Amino acid sequence: MKRVLLAAAGAWGLAQAHHSFGMYDESKIVMVSGTVAEFRWTNPHVVIVVETAAGVSWTIENTSTGNLKRMGWTRHSVVAGETVTVELAPLRDGSHGGSFLGAKLSDGKVLGEFQ
């Protein structure tokens, strides 16, 4: 029984490491507006690439397709070419990317926790 508990604790620790948000500065919120260049409906994480008017590409990581499906998303919830404003927790290293918090699409539809 002790071995089973230790194995479970080890697996939990690995899952926590895999799902770490340490690379993101969750104390900051950045708003990025632009055109969806890419919407990757893939596991383990869905990715939205937004191209700003200044020509800067932002890569925004979301959760898994399974989690998003449970929240009502589909592979067509975001479409390349549409205008979007995304809220994200930025990468700590200052590169153009972050963790998805919410979005407002050009038709007014809100996804996630958009403020």
N, C-alpha and C. Protein backbone atom coordinates (compact mmCIF):
# COMPACT_ATOMS: atom_id res chain seq x y z
N MET A 1 0.83 -1.20 0.00
CA MET A 1 0.00 0.00 0.00
C MET A 1 0.87 1.26 0.00
N LYS A 2 1.96 1.22 0.76
CA LYS A 2 2.85 2.37 0.83
C LYS A 2 3.46 2.67 -0.54
N ARG A 3 3.82 1.58 -1.29
CA ARG A 3 4.38 1.77 -2.62
C ARG A 3 3.37 2.42 -3.56
N VAL A 4 2.12 2.02 -3.45
CA VAL A 4 1.07 2.59 -4.30
C VAL A 4 0.92 4.08 -4.01
N LEU A 5 0.92 4.44 -2.74
CA LEU A 5 0.79 5.85 -2.37
C LEU A 5 2.00 6.66 -2.85
N LEU A 6 3.20 6.09 -2.72
CA LEU A 6 4.39 6.78 -3.20
C LEU A 6 4.36 6.95 -4.71
N ALA A 7 3.92 5.93 -5.42
CA ALA A 7 3.82 6.02 -6.88
C ALA A 7 2.80 7.08 -7.28
N ALA A 8 1.67 7.11 -6.59
CA ALA A 8 0.64 8.11 -6.88
C ALA A 8 1.16 9.51 -6.60
N ALA A 9 1.87 9.68 -5.50
CA ALA A 9 2.44 10.99 -5.16
C ALA A 9 3.46 11.42 -6.21
N GLY A 10 4.27 10.47 -6.68
CA GLY A 10 5.25 10.78 -7.72
C GLY A 10 4.59 11.18 -9.02
N ALA A 11 3.53 10.48 -9.39
CA ALA A 11 2.80 10.81 -10.62
C ALA A 11 2.17 12.19 -10.50
N TRP A 12 1.62 12.50 -9.33
CA TRP A 12 1.02 13.81 -9.12
C TRP A 12 2.08 14.90 -9.26
N GLY A 13 3.26 14.65 -8.71
CA GLY A 13 4.34 15.63 -8.80
C GLY A 13 4.76 15.87 -10.24
N LEU A 14 4.83 14.81 -11.05
CA LEU A 14 5.17 14.96 -12.46
C LEU A 14 4.09 15.75 -13.19
N ALA A 15 2.84 15.47 -12.88
CA ALA A 15 1.74 16.21 -13.52
C ALA A 15 1.81 17.68 -13.16
N GLN A 16 2.13 17.99 -11.92
CA GLN A 16 2.25 19.38 -11.50
C GLN A 16 3.39 20.07 -12.24
N ALA A 17 4.50 19.38 -12.40
CA ALA A 17 5.64 19.96 -13.12
C ALA A 17 5.27 20.21 -14.57
N HIS A 18 4.56 19.27 -15.20
CA HIS A 18 4.16 19.43 -16.59
C HIS A 18 3.20 20.60 -16.74
N HIS A 19 2.34 20.82 -15.79
CA HIS A 19 1.33 21.87 -15.87
C HIS A 19 1.73 23.12 -15.10
N SER A 20 3.03 23.32 -14.94
CA SER A 20 3.52 24.50 -14.24
C SER A 20 3.21 25.76 -15.05
N PHE A 21 2.87 26.81 -14.36
CA PHE A 21 2.64 28.10 -14.99
C PHE A 21 3.77 29.06 -14.67
N GLY A 22 4.90 28.52 -14.17
CA GLY A 22 6.04 29.33 -13.76
C GLY A 22 6.63 30.19 -14.86
N MET A 23 6.46 29.80 -16.11
CA MET A 23 7.02 30.57 -17.22
C MET A 23 6.21 31.83 -17.52
N TYR A 24 5.00 31.91 -16.94
CA TYR A 24 4.12 33.05 -17.18
C TYR A 24 4.11 33.96 -15.96
N ASP A 25 4.03 35.27 -16.21
CA ASP A 25 3.92 36.23 -15.12
C ASP A 25 2.43 36.47 -14.87
N GLU A 26 1.87 35.69 -13.97
CA GLU A 26 0.43 35.77 -13.70
C GLU A 26 0.04 37.02 -12.91
N SER A 27 1.02 37.83 -12.52
CA SER A 27 0.70 39.09 -11.84
C SER A 27 0.39 40.20 -12.84
N LYS A 28 0.62 39.92 -14.13
CA LYS A 28 0.37 40.92 -15.18
C LYS A 28 -0.65 40.38 -16.17
N ILE A 29 -1.41 41.29 -16.74
CA ILE A 29 -2.32 40.95 -17.83
C ILE A 29 -1.97 41.84 -19.01
N VAL A 30 -1.77 41.22 -20.16
CA VAL A 30 -1.46 41.94 -21.40
C VAL A 30 -2.63 41.76 -22.35
N MET A 31 -3.01 42.84 -23.02
CA MET A 31 -4.05 42.79 -24.05
C MET A 31 -3.37 42.86 -25.41
N VAL A 32 -3.70 41.91 -26.27
CA VAL A 32 -3.14 41.87 -27.62
C VAL A 32 -4.30 41.88 -28.60
N SER A 33 -4.28 42.86 -29.51
CA SER A 33 -5.31 42.94 -30.55
C SER A 33 -4.67 42.74 -31.90
N GLY A 34 -5.38 42.03 -32.76
CA GLY A 34 -4.86 41.82 -34.10
C GLY A 34 -5.70 40.80 -34.85
N THR A 35 -5.06 40.16 -35.80
CA THR A 35 -5.71 39.17 -36.64
C THR A 35 -5.20 37.79 -36.28
N VAL A 36 -6.12 36.84 -36.20
CA VAL A 36 -5.73 35.46 -35.93
C VAL A 36 -4.97 34.94 -37.14
N ALA A 37 -3.70 34.63 -36.95
CA ALA A 37 -2.88 34.08 -38.03
C ALA A 37 -3.02 32.57 -38.07
N GLU A 38 -3.24 31.98 -36.89
CA GLU A 38 -3.32 30.52 -36.79
C GLU A 38 -4.12 30.14 -35.55
N PHE A 39 -4.91 29.09 -35.68
CA PHE A 39 -5.61 28.50 -34.53
C PHE A 39 -5.33 27.01 -34.60
N ARG A 40 -4.45 26.54 -33.70
CA ARG A 40 -4.04 25.13 -33.69
C ARG A 40 -4.84 24.36 -32.66
N TRP A 41 -5.80 23.58 -33.11
CA TRP A 41 -6.66 22.75 -32.26
C TRP A 41 -5.94 21.41 -32.06
N THR A 42 -4.91 21.41 -31.22
CA THR A 42 -4.07 20.23 -31.01
C THR A 42 -3.84 20.00 -29.53
N ASN A 43 -3.50 18.77 -29.20
CA ASN A 43 -3.09 18.44 -27.84
C ASN A 43 -1.57 18.42 -27.79
N PRO A 44 -0.95 18.72 -26.68
CA PRO A 44 -1.58 18.84 -25.38
C PRO A 44 -2.18 20.22 -25.11
N HIS A 45 -1.85 21.24 -25.94
CA HIS A 45 -2.39 22.58 -25.71
C HIS A 45 -2.81 23.22 -27.01
N VAL A 46 -3.96 23.85 -27.00
CA VAL A 46 -4.45 24.61 -28.14
C VAL A 46 -3.65 25.92 -28.19
N VAL A 47 -3.32 26.37 -29.39
CA VAL A 47 -2.51 27.58 -29.55
C VAL A 47 -3.22 28.54 -30.51
N ILE A 48 -3.20 29.82 -30.13
CA ILE A 48 -3.70 30.89 -30.99
C ILE A 48 -2.52 31.80 -31.30
N VAL A 49 -2.28 32.05 -32.58
CA VAL A 49 -1.23 32.98 -32.98
C VAL A 49 -1.92 34.23 -33.51
N VAL A 50 -1.60 35.36 -32.89
CA VAL A 50 -2.21 36.64 -33.26
C VAL A 50 -1.14 37.56 -33.83
N GLU A 51 -1.43 38.12 -35.00
CA GLU A 51 -0.53 39.06 -35.66
C GLU A 51 -1.08 40.47 -35.42
N THR A 52 -0.29 41.33 -34.77
CA THR A 52 -0.74 42.69 -34.48
C THR A 52 -0.56 43.58 -35.71
N ALA A 53 -1.16 44.77 -35.67
CA ALA A 53 -1.04 45.73 -36.77
C ALA A 53 0.42 46.14 -36.97
N ALA A 54 1.22 46.07 -35.91
CA ALA A 54 2.65 46.42 -35.99
C ALA A 54 3.49 45.28 -36.56
N GLY A 55 2.84 44.15 -36.89
CA GLY A 55 3.55 43.02 -37.47
C GLY A 55 4.20 42.09 -36.47
N VAL A 56 3.79 42.18 -35.21
CA VAL A 56 4.34 41.32 -34.17
C VAL A 56 3.43 40.11 -33.98
N SER A 57 4.01 38.92 -33.99
CA SER A 57 3.25 37.69 -33.76
C SER A 57 3.30 37.31 -32.30
N TRP A 58 2.13 37.06 -31.73
CA TRP A 58 2.02 36.59 -30.35
C TRP A 58 1.51 35.15 -30.38
N THR A 59 2.20 34.26 -29.67
CA THR A 59 1.79 32.87 -29.56
C THR A 59 1.17 32.68 -28.18
N ILE A 60 -0.10 32.33 -28.17
CA ILE A 60 -0.86 32.26 -26.92
C ILE A 60 -1.30 30.82 -26.70
N GLU A 61 -0.85 30.26 -25.58
CA GLU A 61 -1.14 28.87 -25.25
C GLU A 61 -2.41 28.79 -24.41
N ASN A 62 -3.24 27.82 -24.74
CA ASN A 62 -4.49 27.58 -24.03
C ASN A 62 -4.42 26.19 -23.42
N THR A 63 -5.50 25.70 -22.91
CA THR A 63 -5.56 24.36 -22.33
C THR A 63 -5.76 23.31 -23.42
N SER A 64 -6.08 22.09 -23.05
CA SER A 64 -6.24 21.00 -24.02
C SER A 64 -7.58 21.09 -24.76
N THR A 65 -7.67 20.37 -25.86
CA THR A 65 -8.92 20.33 -26.62
C THR A 65 -10.05 19.74 -25.77
N GLY A 66 -9.74 18.73 -24.97
CA GLY A 66 -10.76 18.12 -24.11
C GLY A 66 -11.35 19.10 -23.12
N ASN A 67 -10.48 19.87 -22.47
CA ASN A 67 -10.96 20.88 -21.52
C ASN A 67 -11.79 21.95 -22.24
N LEU A 68 -11.31 22.38 -23.40
CA LEU A 68 -12.05 23.41 -24.14
C LEU A 68 -13.41 22.89 -24.62
N LYS A 69 -13.47 21.64 -25.07
CA LYS A 69 -14.76 21.05 -25.47
C LYS A 69 -15.76 21.09 -24.33
N ARG A 70 -15.28 20.77 -23.13
CA ARG A 70 -16.17 20.80 -21.95
C ARG A 70 -16.66 22.22 -21.65
N MET A 71 -15.93 23.22 -22.12
CA MET A 71 -16.32 24.62 -21.93
C MET A 71 -17.12 25.14 -23.12
N GLY A 72 -17.42 24.25 -24.10
CA GLY A 72 -18.25 24.64 -25.22
C GLY A 72 -17.50 25.07 -26.48
N TRP A 73 -16.17 25.01 -26.46
CA TRP A 73 -15.39 25.37 -27.64
C TRP A 73 -15.45 24.25 -28.67
N THR A 74 -15.20 24.61 -29.92
CA THR A 74 -15.00 23.64 -31.00
C THR A 74 -13.76 24.08 -31.78
N ARG A 75 -13.37 23.25 -32.73
CA ARG A 75 -12.21 23.61 -33.57
C ARG A 75 -12.51 24.83 -34.43
N HIS A 76 -13.77 25.29 -34.44
CA HIS A 76 -14.16 26.45 -35.23
C HIS A 76 -14.48 27.67 -34.37
N SER A 77 -14.19 27.60 -33.07
CA SER A 77 -14.48 28.73 -32.17
C SER A 77 -13.67 29.96 -32.52
N VAL A 78 -12.47 29.75 -33.02
CA VAL A 78 -11.60 30.84 -33.46
C VAL A 78 -11.20 30.51 -34.90
N VAL A 79 -11.26 31.51 -35.77
CA VAL A 79 -11.00 31.27 -37.19
C VAL A 79 -9.86 32.18 -37.66
N ALA A 80 -8.92 31.60 -38.37
CA ALA A 80 -7.83 32.39 -38.94
C ALA A 80 -8.41 33.49 -39.81
N GLY A 81 -7.86 34.70 -39.67
CA GLY A 81 -8.31 35.84 -40.45
C GLY A 81 -9.24 36.77 -39.70
N GLU A 82 -9.83 36.30 -38.59
CA GLU A 82 -10.74 37.18 -37.86
C GLU A 82 -9.96 38.07 -36.90
N THR A 83 -10.58 39.20 -36.57
CA THR A 83 -9.99 40.15 -35.63
C THR A 83 -10.33 39.71 -34.21
N VAL A 84 -9.36 39.84 -33.32
CA VAL A 84 -9.53 39.36 -31.95
C VAL A 84 -8.73 40.24 -30.99
N THR A 85 -9.23 40.35 -29.78
CA THR A 85 -8.47 40.93 -28.68
C THR A 85 -8.34 39.84 -27.63
N VAL A 86 -7.10 39.55 -27.24
CA VAL A 86 -6.83 38.47 -26.30
C VAL A 86 -6.18 39.02 -25.05
N GLU A 87 -6.65 38.54 -23.90
CA GLU A 87 -5.99 38.83 -22.63
C GLU A 87 -5.13 37.62 -22.29
N LEU A 88 -3.91 37.90 -21.85
CA LEU A 88 -3.00 36.81 -21.54
C LEU A 88 -2.07 37.17 -20.40
N ALA A 89 -1.56 36.14 -19.73
CA ALA A 89 -0.48 36.31 -18.76
C ALA A 89 0.79 36.15 -19.59
N PRO A 90 1.64 37.20 -19.66
CA PRO A 90 2.78 37.16 -20.57
C PRO A 90 3.90 36.23 -20.10
N LEU A 91 4.73 35.84 -21.04
CA LEU A 91 5.92 35.06 -20.69
C LEU A 91 6.87 35.92 -19.88
N ARG A 92 7.47 35.33 -18.88
CA ARG A 92 8.40 36.06 -18.01
C ARG A 92 9.64 36.55 -18.75
N ASP A 93 10.05 35.84 -19.79
CA ASP A 93 11.28 36.21 -20.50
C ASP A 93 11.09 37.38 -21.46
N GLY A 94 9.86 37.91 -21.55
CA GLY A 94 9.60 39.08 -22.38
C GLY A 94 9.31 38.78 -23.84
N SER A 95 9.40 37.52 -24.25
CA SER A 95 9.09 37.20 -25.64
C SER A 95 7.58 37.31 -25.86
N HIS A 96 7.18 37.37 -27.10
CA HIS A 96 5.78 37.62 -27.46
C HIS A 96 4.95 36.35 -27.38
N GLY A 97 4.51 36.04 -26.18
CA GLY A 97 3.68 34.87 -25.95
C GLY A 97 3.10 34.92 -24.56
N GLY A 98 2.21 33.98 -24.29
CA GLY A 98 1.63 33.95 -22.96
C GLY A 98 0.58 32.87 -22.82
N SER A 99 -0.03 32.90 -21.66
CA SER A 99 -1.07 31.94 -21.30
C SER A 99 -2.44 32.61 -21.47
N PHE A 100 -3.30 31.98 -22.24
CA PHE A 100 -4.63 32.51 -22.55
C PHE A 100 -5.47 32.71 -21.29
N LEU A 101 -6.07 33.89 -21.19
CA LEU A 101 -7.03 34.17 -20.11
C LEU A 101 -8.43 34.36 -20.68
N GLY A 102 -8.53 35.09 -21.78
CA GLY A 102 -9.83 35.34 -22.39
C GLY A 102 -9.66 36.06 -23.71
N ALA A 103 -10.75 36.11 -24.48
CA ALA A 103 -10.70 36.78 -25.78
C ALA A 103 -12.07 37.34 -26.13
N LYS A 104 -12.03 38.38 -26.94
CA LYS A 104 -13.25 38.93 -27.51
C LYS A 104 -13.06 38.91 -29.02
N LEU A 105 -13.98 38.23 -29.70
CA LEU A 105 -13.92 38.10 -31.15
C LEU A 105 -14.58 39.29 -31.83
N SER A 106 -14.36 39.42 -33.13
CA SER A 106 -14.88 40.57 -33.88
C SER A 106 -16.40 40.64 -33.86
N ASP A 107 -17.07 39.50 -33.69
CA ASP A 107 -18.54 39.50 -33.63
C ASP A 107 -19.07 39.78 -32.23
N GLY A 108 -18.16 40.07 -31.28
CA GLY A 108 -18.56 40.38 -29.91
C GLY A 108 -18.58 39.19 -28.98
N LYS A 109 -18.42 37.99 -29.51
CA LYS A 109 -18.43 36.79 -28.69
C LYS A 109 -17.22 36.78 -27.76
N VAL A 110 -17.44 36.41 -26.51
CA VAL A 110 -16.39 36.36 -25.51
C VAL A 110 -16.06 34.89 -25.20
N LEU A 111 -14.76 34.60 -25.17
CA LEU A 111 -14.26 33.27 -24.82
C LEU A 111 -13.41 33.40 -23.57
N GLY A 112 -13.57 32.48 -22.64
CA GLY A 112 -12.76 32.50 -21.43
C GLY A 112 -13.20 33.60 -20.48
N GLU A 113 -12.23 34.13 -19.75
CA GLU A 113 -12.49 35.12 -18.70
C GLU A 113 -12.14 36.52 -19.15
N PHE A 114 -12.57 36.92 -20.33
CA PHE A 114 -12.25 38.24 -20.88
C PHE A 114 -12.84 39.34 -20.01
N GLN A 115 -12.02 40.33 -19.66
CA GLN A 115 -12.48 41.45 -18.82
C GLN A 115 -12.84 42.60 -19.72
